[in-house]
Amino acid sequence: MLVFTRAMKMAAAAVSLAVMLLGAATPSQAQTTGTVRLHIVKVGFIIGVGGGNGVLIYNGHRYRLSVSGIGLGSLGIAAVDLVGTASNLTSPGAIAGTYGGAGAGGSFVGGGQVATLQNGNGVVLQLQGVQAGFQVSLGLGGMTLMMR
């Protein structure tokens, strides 16, 4: 009987340890990705400026955003509507900040815009959309998002 009791205690300890380890290894159930929609108008001759507005949809709530930015080597005028995701969000406010290219920046291909941008909070925006108008940008660029 002593051997059976000892075996049961060992099995209970092993099960408890396994439950603790599995609980520690399971990712948090908190949402870290949201949906982003932005409308941006860009104007430039040598130095380009842009601005607009947007929305972050995160955990079922809508958060209004304002967009501003500047770029060098810009020529033309254009408007773009971008849709995509914001990942690595720790809270809705983490989306605020200045974004620069994460790896390759934005590109212009047949009217389509594709961009991967990252801010200082580690939030990564993956955006795509269609541009209307004419804009060529050869140099540095960035974008600042603020919650309104």
N, C-alpha and C. Protein backbone atom coordinates (compact mmCIF):
# COMPACT_ATOMS: atom_id res chain seq x y z
N MET A 1 0.82 -1.19 0.00
CA MET A 1 0.00 0.00 0.00
C MET A 1 0.86 1.25 0.00
N LEU A 2 1.99 1.24 0.71
CA LEU A 2 2.90 2.38 0.77
C LEU A 2 3.44 2.73 -0.62
N VAL A 3 3.72 1.70 -1.43
CA VAL A 3 4.23 1.91 -2.77
C VAL A 3 3.15 2.57 -3.64
N PHE A 4 1.89 2.13 -3.49
CA PHE A 4 0.79 2.71 -4.26
C PHE A 4 0.58 4.17 -3.89
N THR A 5 0.61 4.51 -2.60
CA THR A 5 0.43 5.88 -2.14
C THR A 5 1.56 6.76 -2.66
N ARG A 6 2.78 6.24 -2.58
CA ARG A 6 3.93 7.00 -3.08
C ARG A 6 3.80 7.23 -4.59
N ALA A 7 3.36 6.24 -5.34
CA ALA A 7 3.20 6.37 -6.79
C ALA A 7 2.12 7.39 -7.11
N MET A 8 1.03 7.41 -6.35
CA MET A 8 -0.04 8.38 -6.56
C MET A 8 0.45 9.80 -6.29
N LYS A 9 1.23 9.97 -5.25
CA LYS A 9 1.77 11.30 -4.94
C LYS A 9 2.71 11.76 -6.05
N MET A 10 3.54 10.85 -6.57
CA MET A 10 4.46 11.20 -7.66
C MET A 10 3.67 11.57 -8.93
N ALA A 11 2.61 10.80 -9.21
CA ALA A 11 1.79 11.09 -10.39
C ALA A 11 1.09 12.42 -10.24
N ALA A 12 0.57 12.71 -9.06
CA ALA A 12 -0.09 13.99 -8.82
C ALA A 12 0.90 15.14 -8.97
N ALA A 13 2.12 14.96 -8.47
CA ALA A 13 3.14 16.00 -8.61
C ALA A 13 3.50 16.21 -10.08
N ALA A 14 3.60 15.12 -10.84
CA ALA A 14 3.94 15.22 -12.26
C ALA A 14 2.83 15.93 -13.02
N VAL A 15 1.58 15.60 -12.73
CA VAL A 15 0.46 16.25 -13.40
C VAL A 15 0.43 17.74 -13.06
N SER A 16 0.65 18.07 -11.79
CA SER A 16 0.67 19.49 -11.37
C SER A 16 1.77 20.24 -12.10
N LEU A 17 2.95 19.65 -12.18
CA LEU A 17 4.07 20.30 -12.88
C LEU A 17 3.74 20.49 -14.36
N ALA A 18 3.15 19.47 -14.99
CA ALA A 18 2.80 19.58 -16.40
C ALA A 18 1.78 20.69 -16.63
N VAL A 19 0.78 20.80 -15.76
CA VAL A 19 -0.23 21.85 -15.89
C VAL A 19 0.41 23.23 -15.74
N MET A 20 1.32 23.38 -14.79
CA MET A 20 1.99 24.68 -14.60
C MET A 20 2.84 25.03 -15.81
N LEU A 21 3.57 24.05 -16.35
CA LEU A 21 4.42 24.32 -17.52
C LEU A 21 3.59 24.65 -18.74
N LEU A 22 2.50 23.93 -18.97
CA LEU A 22 1.64 24.22 -20.11
C LEU A 22 0.98 25.58 -19.97
N GLY A 23 0.59 25.94 -18.78
CA GLY A 23 -0.01 27.26 -18.56
C GLY A 23 0.97 28.37 -18.82
N ALA A 24 2.25 28.17 -18.46
CA ALA A 24 3.27 29.20 -18.69
C ALA A 24 3.61 29.32 -20.16
N ALA A 25 3.51 28.21 -20.91
CA ALA A 25 3.89 28.23 -22.32
C ALA A 25 2.75 28.67 -23.23
N THR A 26 1.54 28.72 -22.73
CA THR A 26 0.39 29.11 -23.55
C THR A 26 0.40 30.61 -23.77
N PRO A 27 0.31 31.08 -25.01
CA PRO A 27 0.31 32.52 -25.25
C PRO A 27 -0.90 33.19 -24.62
N SER A 28 -0.74 34.46 -24.33
CA SER A 28 -1.81 35.24 -23.74
C SER A 28 -3.01 35.28 -24.67
N GLN A 29 -4.20 35.28 -24.11
CA GLN A 29 -5.41 35.34 -24.91
C GLN A 29 -5.74 36.78 -25.32
N ALA A 30 -4.97 37.76 -24.84
CA ALA A 30 -5.22 39.16 -25.19
C ALA A 30 -4.94 39.37 -26.68
N GLN A 31 -5.78 40.14 -27.33
CA GLN A 31 -5.60 40.42 -28.75
C GLN A 31 -4.42 41.36 -28.94
N THR A 32 -3.54 41.05 -29.88
CA THR A 32 -2.39 41.91 -30.16
C THR A 32 -2.43 42.47 -31.57
N THR A 33 -3.48 42.18 -32.32
CA THR A 33 -3.59 42.66 -33.69
C THR A 33 -4.92 43.39 -33.87
N GLY A 34 -4.87 44.51 -34.57
CA GLY A 34 -6.06 45.26 -34.89
C GLY A 34 -6.12 45.55 -36.37
N THR A 35 -7.26 46.05 -36.83
CA THR A 35 -7.45 46.44 -38.23
C THR A 35 -7.31 47.95 -38.33
N VAL A 36 -6.62 48.41 -39.38
CA VAL A 36 -6.36 49.84 -39.57
C VAL A 36 -6.89 50.25 -40.94
N ARG A 37 -7.54 51.42 -40.98
CA ARG A 37 -7.97 52.05 -42.23
C ARG A 37 -7.49 53.49 -42.19
N LEU A 38 -6.77 53.91 -43.23
CA LEU A 38 -6.23 55.26 -43.30
C LEU A 38 -6.57 55.91 -44.64
N HIS A 39 -6.87 57.21 -44.61
CA HIS A 39 -7.03 58.02 -45.82
C HIS A 39 -5.99 59.12 -45.73
N ILE A 40 -5.07 59.15 -46.71
CA ILE A 40 -3.95 60.10 -46.68
C ILE A 40 -3.90 60.87 -47.99
N VAL A 41 -3.68 62.17 -47.89
CA VAL A 41 -3.45 63.02 -49.06
C VAL A 41 -2.01 63.51 -48.97
N LYS A 42 -1.28 63.36 -50.09
CA LYS A 42 0.13 63.75 -50.14
C LYS A 42 0.33 64.78 -51.24
N VAL A 43 1.11 65.81 -50.93
CA VAL A 43 1.45 66.86 -51.89
C VAL A 43 2.94 67.12 -51.75
N GLY A 44 3.64 67.28 -52.88
CA GLY A 44 5.06 67.56 -52.73
C GLY A 44 5.74 68.08 -53.97
N PHE A 45 6.74 68.88 -53.73
CA PHE A 45 7.70 69.30 -54.74
C PHE A 45 9.01 69.42 -53.97
N ILE A 46 9.92 68.52 -54.14
CA ILE A 46 11.16 68.36 -53.39
C ILE A 46 10.87 67.83 -51.98
N ILE A 47 10.13 68.60 -51.19
CA ILE A 47 9.73 68.15 -49.85
C ILE A 47 8.23 67.90 -49.90
N GLY A 48 7.83 66.71 -49.49
CA GLY A 48 6.42 66.34 -49.53
C GLY A 48 5.81 66.34 -48.14
N VAL A 49 4.58 66.72 -48.07
CA VAL A 49 3.84 66.67 -46.81
C VAL A 49 2.56 65.88 -47.05
N GLY A 50 2.08 65.28 -46.00
CA GLY A 50 0.85 64.51 -46.11
C GLY A 50 0.09 64.55 -44.81
N GLY A 51 -1.16 64.29 -44.91
CA GLY A 51 -2.00 64.25 -43.72
C GLY A 51 -3.27 63.50 -44.02
N GLY A 52 -3.95 63.14 -42.97
CA GLY A 52 -5.21 62.43 -43.16
C GLY A 52 -5.77 61.95 -41.85
N ASN A 53 -6.65 60.98 -41.97
CA ASN A 53 -7.29 60.43 -40.78
C ASN A 53 -7.49 58.95 -40.98
N GLY A 54 -7.92 58.30 -39.92
CA GLY A 54 -8.15 56.87 -40.00
C GLY A 54 -8.81 56.34 -38.76
N VAL A 55 -8.84 55.02 -38.69
CA VAL A 55 -9.45 54.35 -37.56
C VAL A 55 -8.69 53.05 -37.28
N LEU A 56 -8.57 52.74 -35.99
CA LEU A 56 -8.06 51.46 -35.52
C LEU A 56 -9.24 50.71 -34.92
N ILE A 57 -9.45 49.48 -35.35
CA ILE A 57 -10.47 48.63 -34.74
C ILE A 57 -9.72 47.57 -33.95
N TYR A 58 -9.91 47.61 -32.62
CA TYR A 58 -9.13 46.76 -31.71
C TYR A 58 -10.04 46.28 -30.58
N ASN A 59 -10.12 44.99 -30.40
CA ASN A 59 -10.97 44.38 -29.37
C ASN A 59 -12.42 44.87 -29.47
N GLY A 60 -12.91 45.03 -30.71
CA GLY A 60 -14.30 45.43 -30.91
C GLY A 60 -14.58 46.91 -30.74
N HIS A 61 -13.56 47.72 -30.48
CA HIS A 61 -13.74 49.17 -30.30
C HIS A 61 -13.09 49.91 -31.46
N ARG A 62 -13.63 51.08 -31.79
CA ARG A 62 -13.08 51.94 -32.84
C ARG A 62 -12.35 53.11 -32.20
N TYR A 63 -11.12 53.35 -32.64
CA TYR A 63 -10.31 54.46 -32.14
C TYR A 63 -9.94 55.34 -33.33
N ARG A 64 -10.29 56.63 -33.24
CA ARG A 64 -10.00 57.57 -34.33
C ARG A 64 -8.52 57.94 -34.32
N LEU A 65 -7.97 58.07 -35.52
CA LEU A 65 -6.55 58.39 -35.70
C LEU A 65 -6.40 59.60 -36.59
N SER A 66 -5.33 60.36 -36.37
CA SER A 66 -4.93 61.39 -37.33
C SER A 66 -3.54 61.03 -37.83
N VAL A 67 -3.28 61.38 -39.08
CA VAL A 67 -2.04 61.01 -39.76
C VAL A 67 -1.33 62.26 -40.23
N SER A 68 -0.03 62.33 -40.02
CA SER A 68 0.79 63.40 -40.59
C SER A 68 2.11 62.78 -41.03
N GLY A 69 2.77 63.43 -41.97
CA GLY A 69 4.04 62.89 -42.44
C GLY A 69 4.78 63.85 -43.32
N ILE A 70 6.04 63.52 -43.58
CA ILE A 70 6.90 64.33 -44.44
C ILE A 70 7.84 63.39 -45.18
N GLY A 71 8.22 63.78 -46.38
CA GLY A 71 9.16 62.98 -47.15
C GLY A 71 10.05 63.88 -47.99
N LEU A 72 11.23 63.39 -48.33
CA LEU A 72 12.15 64.13 -49.18
C LEU A 72 12.16 63.50 -50.57
N GLY A 73 12.37 64.30 -51.59
CA GLY A 73 12.41 63.79 -52.95
C GLY A 73 11.03 63.50 -53.51
N SER A 74 10.03 64.22 -53.05
CA SER A 74 8.66 63.97 -53.43
C SER A 74 8.22 64.93 -54.52
N LEU A 75 7.38 64.45 -55.44
CA LEU A 75 6.88 65.29 -56.53
C LEU A 75 5.47 64.82 -56.86
N GLY A 76 4.50 65.76 -56.83
CA GLY A 76 3.15 65.42 -57.26
C GLY A 76 2.12 65.58 -56.17
N ILE A 77 0.91 65.10 -56.49
CA ILE A 77 -0.20 65.13 -55.55
C ILE A 77 -0.97 63.82 -55.69
N ALA A 78 -1.36 63.27 -54.55
CA ALA A 78 -2.07 61.99 -54.60
C ALA A 78 -2.84 61.78 -53.31
N ALA A 79 -3.86 60.96 -53.42
CA ALA A 79 -4.62 60.51 -52.25
C ALA A 79 -4.56 59.00 -52.25
N VAL A 80 -4.51 58.42 -51.07
CA VAL A 80 -4.45 56.97 -50.96
C VAL A 80 -5.31 56.52 -49.79
N ASP A 81 -6.05 55.44 -50.01
CA ASP A 81 -6.81 54.79 -48.95
C ASP A 81 -6.11 53.47 -48.67
N LEU A 82 -5.67 53.31 -47.44
CA LEU A 82 -4.92 52.12 -47.04
C LEU A 82 -5.71 51.31 -46.02
N VAL A 83 -5.62 50.00 -46.13
CA VAL A 83 -6.26 49.08 -45.21
C VAL A 83 -5.24 48.03 -44.85
N GLY A 84 -5.24 47.61 -43.59
CA GLY A 84 -4.31 46.57 -43.20
C GLY A 84 -4.41 46.22 -41.73
N THR A 85 -3.30 45.75 -41.20
CA THR A 85 -3.26 45.32 -39.81
C THR A 85 -2.21 46.08 -39.02
N ALA A 86 -2.46 46.18 -37.74
CA ALA A 86 -1.48 46.69 -36.78
C ALA A 86 -1.21 45.54 -35.82
N SER A 87 0.00 45.03 -35.82
CA SER A 87 0.32 43.91 -34.95
C SER A 87 1.26 44.35 -33.84
N ASN A 88 1.41 43.53 -32.84
CA ASN A 88 2.24 43.79 -31.65
C ASN A 88 1.65 44.90 -30.78
N LEU A 89 0.33 45.07 -30.81
CA LEU A 89 -0.32 46.08 -29.97
C LEU A 89 -0.39 45.57 -28.53
N THR A 90 0.08 46.37 -27.60
CA THR A 90 -0.08 46.06 -26.18
C THR A 90 -1.30 46.76 -25.61
N SER A 91 -1.73 47.82 -26.29
CA SER A 91 -2.92 48.59 -25.95
C SER A 91 -3.25 49.43 -27.18
N PRO A 92 -4.44 50.02 -27.24
CA PRO A 92 -4.76 50.86 -28.40
C PRO A 92 -3.78 52.03 -28.56
N GLY A 93 -3.34 52.60 -27.45
CA GLY A 93 -2.44 53.75 -27.50
C GLY A 93 -1.07 53.44 -28.06
N ALA A 94 -0.69 52.16 -28.12
CA ALA A 94 0.62 51.79 -28.65
C ALA A 94 0.75 52.09 -30.13
N ILE A 95 -0.38 52.29 -30.82
CA ILE A 95 -0.33 52.58 -32.26
C ILE A 95 0.22 53.98 -32.52
N ALA A 96 0.11 54.87 -31.53
CA ALA A 96 0.58 56.25 -31.71
C ALA A 96 2.11 56.26 -31.80
N GLY A 97 2.62 57.11 -32.69
CA GLY A 97 4.06 57.25 -32.82
C GLY A 97 4.46 57.50 -34.26
N THR A 98 5.75 57.62 -34.46
CA THR A 98 6.31 57.86 -35.78
C THR A 98 6.75 56.54 -36.39
N TYR A 99 6.33 56.32 -37.61
CA TYR A 99 6.60 55.06 -38.30
C TYR A 99 7.63 55.28 -39.40
N GLY A 100 8.54 54.35 -39.51
CA GLY A 100 9.50 54.30 -40.60
C GLY A 100 9.44 52.91 -41.20
N GLY A 101 10.18 52.72 -42.27
CA GLY A 101 10.17 51.43 -42.95
C GLY A 101 10.70 50.32 -42.06
N ALA A 102 10.02 49.19 -42.07
CA ALA A 102 10.48 47.98 -41.40
C ALA A 102 10.95 47.06 -42.51
N GLY A 103 12.23 47.05 -42.78
CA GLY A 103 12.74 46.32 -43.94
C GLY A 103 12.57 47.22 -45.15
N ALA A 104 11.89 46.74 -46.19
CA ALA A 104 11.63 47.56 -47.37
C ALA A 104 10.48 48.50 -47.06
N GLY A 105 10.53 49.68 -47.61
CA GLY A 105 9.48 50.67 -47.35
C GLY A 105 8.29 50.47 -48.23
N GLY A 106 7.69 51.56 -48.65
CA GLY A 106 6.53 51.49 -49.51
C GLY A 106 6.95 51.36 -50.96
N SER A 107 6.02 50.96 -51.80
CA SER A 107 6.33 50.87 -53.22
C SER A 107 5.12 51.31 -54.04
N PHE A 108 5.36 51.71 -55.26
CA PHE A 108 4.31 52.14 -56.18
C PHE A 108 4.35 51.18 -57.36
N VAL A 109 3.31 50.36 -57.50
CA VAL A 109 3.26 49.42 -58.60
C VAL A 109 1.86 49.47 -59.20
N GLY A 110 1.74 50.03 -60.38
CA GLY A 110 0.47 50.06 -61.08
C GLY A 110 -0.67 50.65 -60.27
N GLY A 111 -0.41 51.68 -59.49
CA GLY A 111 -1.44 52.31 -58.70
C GLY A 111 -1.60 51.73 -57.32
N GLY A 112 -1.02 50.57 -57.06
CA GLY A 112 -1.14 49.95 -55.75
C GLY A 112 -0.05 50.39 -54.81
N GLN A 113 -0.40 50.57 -53.57
CA GLN A 113 0.56 50.93 -52.54
C GLN A 113 0.67 49.77 -51.55
N VAL A 114 1.88 49.39 -51.20
CA VAL A 114 2.12 48.36 -50.21
C VAL A 114 3.20 48.89 -49.29
N ALA A 115 2.96 48.82 -47.98
CA ALA A 115 3.94 49.33 -47.03
C ALA A 115 3.94 48.49 -45.77
N THR A 116 5.14 48.29 -45.22
CA THR A 116 5.32 47.71 -43.90
C THR A 116 6.10 48.73 -43.10
N LEU A 117 5.50 49.22 -42.03
CA LEU A 117 6.09 50.29 -41.23
C LEU A 117 6.10 49.88 -39.76
N GLN A 118 7.07 50.40 -39.00
CA GLN A 118 7.15 50.08 -37.57
C GLN A 118 7.42 51.33 -36.77
N ASN A 119 6.78 51.43 -35.58
CA ASN A 119 7.03 52.58 -34.70
C ASN A 119 7.93 52.17 -33.54
N GLY A 120 8.26 53.12 -32.68
CA GLY A 120 9.15 52.88 -31.55
C GLY A 120 8.56 51.96 -30.50
N ASN A 121 7.26 51.76 -30.50
CA ASN A 121 6.60 50.84 -29.56
C ASN A 121 6.63 49.41 -30.06
N GLY A 122 7.18 49.18 -31.25
CA GLY A 122 7.23 47.84 -31.82
C GLY A 122 5.99 47.46 -32.59
N VAL A 123 5.04 48.40 -32.76
CA VAL A 123 3.83 48.12 -33.53
C VAL A 123 4.19 48.11 -35.01
N VAL A 124 3.76 47.07 -35.71
CA VAL A 124 4.05 46.92 -37.13
C VAL A 124 2.75 47.09 -37.91
N LEU A 125 2.75 48.05 -38.85
CA LEU A 125 1.61 48.26 -39.75
C LEU A 125 1.93 47.58 -41.07
N GLN A 126 1.02 46.75 -41.55
CA GLN A 126 1.11 46.17 -42.88
C GLN A 126 -0.10 46.70 -43.63
N LEU A 127 0.16 47.60 -44.58
CA LEU A 127 -0.91 48.33 -45.25
C LEU A 127 -0.86 48.12 -46.75
N GLN A 128 -2.03 48.16 -47.36
CA GLN A 128 -2.11 48.13 -48.82
C GLN A 128 -3.32 48.94 -49.26
N GLY A 129 -3.24 49.44 -50.47
CA GLY A 129 -4.34 50.24 -50.99
C GLY A 129 -4.06 50.72 -52.38
N VAL A 130 -4.95 51.56 -52.88
CA VAL A 130 -4.83 52.09 -54.23
C VAL A 130 -4.69 53.60 -54.16
N GLN A 131 -3.74 54.11 -54.93
CA GLN A 131 -3.45 55.54 -54.98
C GLN A 131 -4.17 56.16 -56.17
N ALA A 132 -4.73 57.35 -55.95
CA ALA A 132 -5.34 58.12 -57.03
C ALA A 132 -4.53 59.40 -57.18
N GLY A 133 -4.10 59.71 -58.38
CA GLY A 133 -3.27 60.88 -58.61
C GLY A 133 -1.87 60.46 -59.02
N PHE A 134 -0.95 61.42 -58.98
CA PHE A 134 0.42 61.16 -59.39
C PHE A 134 1.35 61.61 -58.27
N GLN A 135 2.17 60.71 -57.81
CA GLN A 135 3.16 61.04 -56.78
C GLN A 135 4.36 60.15 -56.97
N VAL A 136 5.53 60.75 -57.03
CA VAL A 136 6.78 60.01 -57.08
C VAL A 136 7.59 60.41 -55.86
N SER A 137 8.03 59.45 -55.10
CA SER A 137 8.83 59.72 -53.91
C SER A 137 10.08 58.87 -53.97
N LEU A 138 11.24 59.52 -53.96
CA LEU A 138 12.50 58.82 -54.11
C LEU A 138 13.29 58.70 -52.82
N GLY A 139 12.97 59.48 -51.82
CA GLY A 139 13.85 59.53 -50.66
C GLY A 139 13.21 59.07 -49.37
N LEU A 140 13.64 59.72 -48.29
CA LEU A 140 13.18 59.36 -46.96
C LEU A 140 11.72 59.71 -46.78
N GLY A 141 11.05 58.95 -45.96
CA GLY A 141 9.66 59.25 -45.67
C GLY A 141 9.28 58.63 -44.34
N GLY A 142 8.22 59.10 -43.80
CA GLY A 142 7.74 58.56 -42.53
C GLY A 142 6.33 59.05 -42.31
N MET A 143 5.73 58.55 -41.24
CA MET A 143 4.36 58.89 -40.96
C MET A 143 4.19 58.88 -39.46
N THR A 144 3.41 59.82 -38.96
CA THR A 144 3.11 59.87 -37.53
C THR A 144 1.62 59.67 -37.34
N LEU A 145 1.27 58.72 -36.47
CA LEU A 145 -0.13 58.48 -36.12
C LEU A 145 -0.37 58.98 -34.71
N MET A 146 -1.51 59.64 -34.51
CA MET A 146 -1.92 60.11 -33.20
C MET A 146 -3.36 59.69 -32.97
N MET A 147 -3.69 59.36 -31.73
CA MET A 147 -5.09 59.08 -31.40
C MET A 147 -5.80 60.39 -31.18
N ARG A 148 -7.04 60.49 -31.70
CA ARG A 148 -7.81 61.73 -31.56
C ARG A 148 -8.84 61.57 -30.48
